[in-house]
Amino acid sequence: MGEALFDLEQLLKSQKEALTLEEANILQTCKFKAVRQFMAGVITGASVALEDMYFNTSLCI
């Protein structure tokens, strides 16, 4: 998703006509949502991994 947004942004910026303020705001909102979802996934994944690591090592002691 991130790569697609990056490609879209590059394509839109390379066109002759500049983005309108509304179009730029929509693009920016999409980028913020993508970053937020990515970070939520990273935090969730790290939490699960750390929890699994904690419980697996405590059983071995």
C-alpha atoms as a PDB file:
ATOM      1  CA  MET A   1       0.000   0.000   0.000  1.00  0.00           C
ATOM      2  CA  GLY A   2       2.784   2.397   0.873  1.00  0.00           C
ATOM      3  CA  GLU A   3       4.553   1.867  -2.421  1.00  0.00           C
ATOM      4  CA  ALA A   4       1.330   2.437  -4.353  1.00  0.00           C
ATOM      5  CA  LEU A   5       0.730   5.718  -2.521  1.00  0.00           C
ATOM      6  CA  PHE A   6       4.316   6.793  -3.178  1.00  0.00           C
ATOM      7  CA  ASP A   7       3.964   5.981  -6.892  1.00  0.00           C
ATOM      8  CA  LEU A   8       0.646   7.823  -7.072  1.00  0.00           C
ATOM      9  CA  GLU A   9       2.120  10.881  -5.388  1.00  0.00           C
ATOM     10  CA  GLN A  10       5.083  10.916  -7.769  1.00  0.00           C
ATOM     11  CA  LEU A  11       2.776  10.565 -10.768  1.00  0.00           C
ATOM     12  CA  LEU A  12       0.500  13.373  -9.607  1.00  0.00           C
ATOM     13  CA  LYS A  13       3.411  15.692  -8.845  1.00  0.00           C
ATOM     14  CA  SER A  14       4.964  15.077 -12.268  1.00  0.00           C
ATOM     15  CA  GLN A  15       1.893  16.253 -14.173  1.00  0.00           C
ATOM     16  CA  LYS A  16       1.697  19.721 -15.690  1.00  0.00           C
ATOM     17  CA  GLU A  17      -1.249  20.802 -13.598  1.00  0.00           C
ATOM     18  CA  ALA A  18      -0.605  21.276  -9.918  1.00  0.00           C
ATOM     19  CA  LEU A  19      -2.780  19.495  -7.390  1.00  0.00           C
ATOM     20  CA  THR A  20      -5.617  21.517  -6.001  1.00  0.00           C
ATOM     21  CA  LEU A  21      -5.667  22.122  -2.266  1.00  0.00           C
ATOM     22  CA  GLU A  22      -8.495  19.603  -1.875  1.00  0.00           C
ATOM     23  CA  GLU A  23      -6.620  16.941  -3.870  1.00  0.00           C
ATOM     24  CA  ALA A  24      -3.445  17.520  -1.862  1.00  0.00           C
ATOM     25  CA  ASN A  25      -5.435  17.229   1.384  1.00  0.00           C
ATOM     26  CA  ILE A  26      -6.997  13.936   0.267  1.00  0.00           C
ATOM     27  CA  LEU A  27      -3.599  12.528  -0.689  1.00  0.00           C
ATOM     28  CA  GLN A  28      -2.120  13.665   2.627  1.00  0.00           C
ATOM     29  CA  THR A  29      -5.010  12.077   4.550  1.00  0.00           C
ATOM     30  CA  CYS A  30      -4.476   8.775   2.729  1.00  0.00           C
ATOM     31  CA  LYS A  31      -0.767   8.867   3.557  1.00  0.00           C
ATOM     32  CA  PHE A  32      -1.439   9.567   7.243  1.00  0.00           C
ATOM     33  CA  LYS A  33      -3.964   6.721   7.420  1.00  0.00           C
ATOM     34  CA  ALA A  34      -1.526   4.316   5.766  1.00  0.00           C
ATOM     35  CA  VAL A  35       1.260   5.250   8.180  1.00  0.00           C
ATOM     36  CA  ARG A  36      -1.082   4.953  11.164  1.00  0.00           C
ATOM     37  CA  GLN A  37      -2.255   1.481  10.057  1.00  0.00           C
ATOM     38  CA  PHE A  38       1.333   0.398   9.437  1.00  0.00           C
ATOM     39  CA  MET A  39       2.411   1.567  12.889  1.00  0.00           C
ATOM     40  CA  ALA A  40      -0.561  -0.158  14.525  1.00  0.00           C
ATOM     41  CA  GLY A  41       0.480  -3.390  12.806  1.00  0.00           C
ATOM     42  CA  VAL A  42       4.089  -2.993  13.897  1.00  0.00           C
ATOM     43  CA  ILE A  43       3.106  -2.332  17.504  1.00  0.00           C
ATOM     44  CA  THR A  44       0.650  -5.238  17.549  1.00  0.00           C
ATOM     45  CA  GLY A  45       3.175  -7.598  15.986  1.00  0.00           C
ATOM     46  CA  ALA A  46       5.924  -6.549  18.367  1.00  0.00           C
ATOM     47  CA  SER A  47       3.603  -6.943  21.352  1.00  0.00           C
ATOM     48  CA  VAL A  48       2.615 -10.449  20.308  1.00  0.00           C
ATOM     49  CA  ALA A  49       6.228 -11.409  19.660  1.00  0.00           C
ATOM     50  CA  LEU A  50       7.426 -10.039  23.003  1.00  0.00           C
ATOM     51  CA  GLU A  51       4.568 -11.701  24.874  1.00  0.00           C
ATOM     52  CA  ASP A  52       5.310 -15.017  23.185  1.00  0.00           C
ATOM     53  CA  MET A  53       9.001 -14.644  23.951  1.00  0.00           C
ATOM     54  CA  TYR A  54       8.267 -13.818  27.591  1.00  0.00           C
ATOM     55  CA  PHE A  55       5.948 -16.774  28.149  1.00  0.00           C
ATOM     56  CA  ASN A  56       8.152 -19.256  26.296  1.00  0.00           C
ATOM     57  CA  THR A  57      11.283 -18.310  28.278  1.00  0.00           C
ATOM     58  CA  SER A  58       9.481 -18.282  31.650  1.00  0.00           C
ATOM     59  CA  LEU A  59       8.360 -21.872  31.106  1.00  0.00           C
ATOM     60  CA  CYS A  60      11.937 -23.018  30.567  1.00  0.00           C
ATOM     61  CA  ILE A  61      13.195 -21.691  33.910  1.00  0.00           C
END
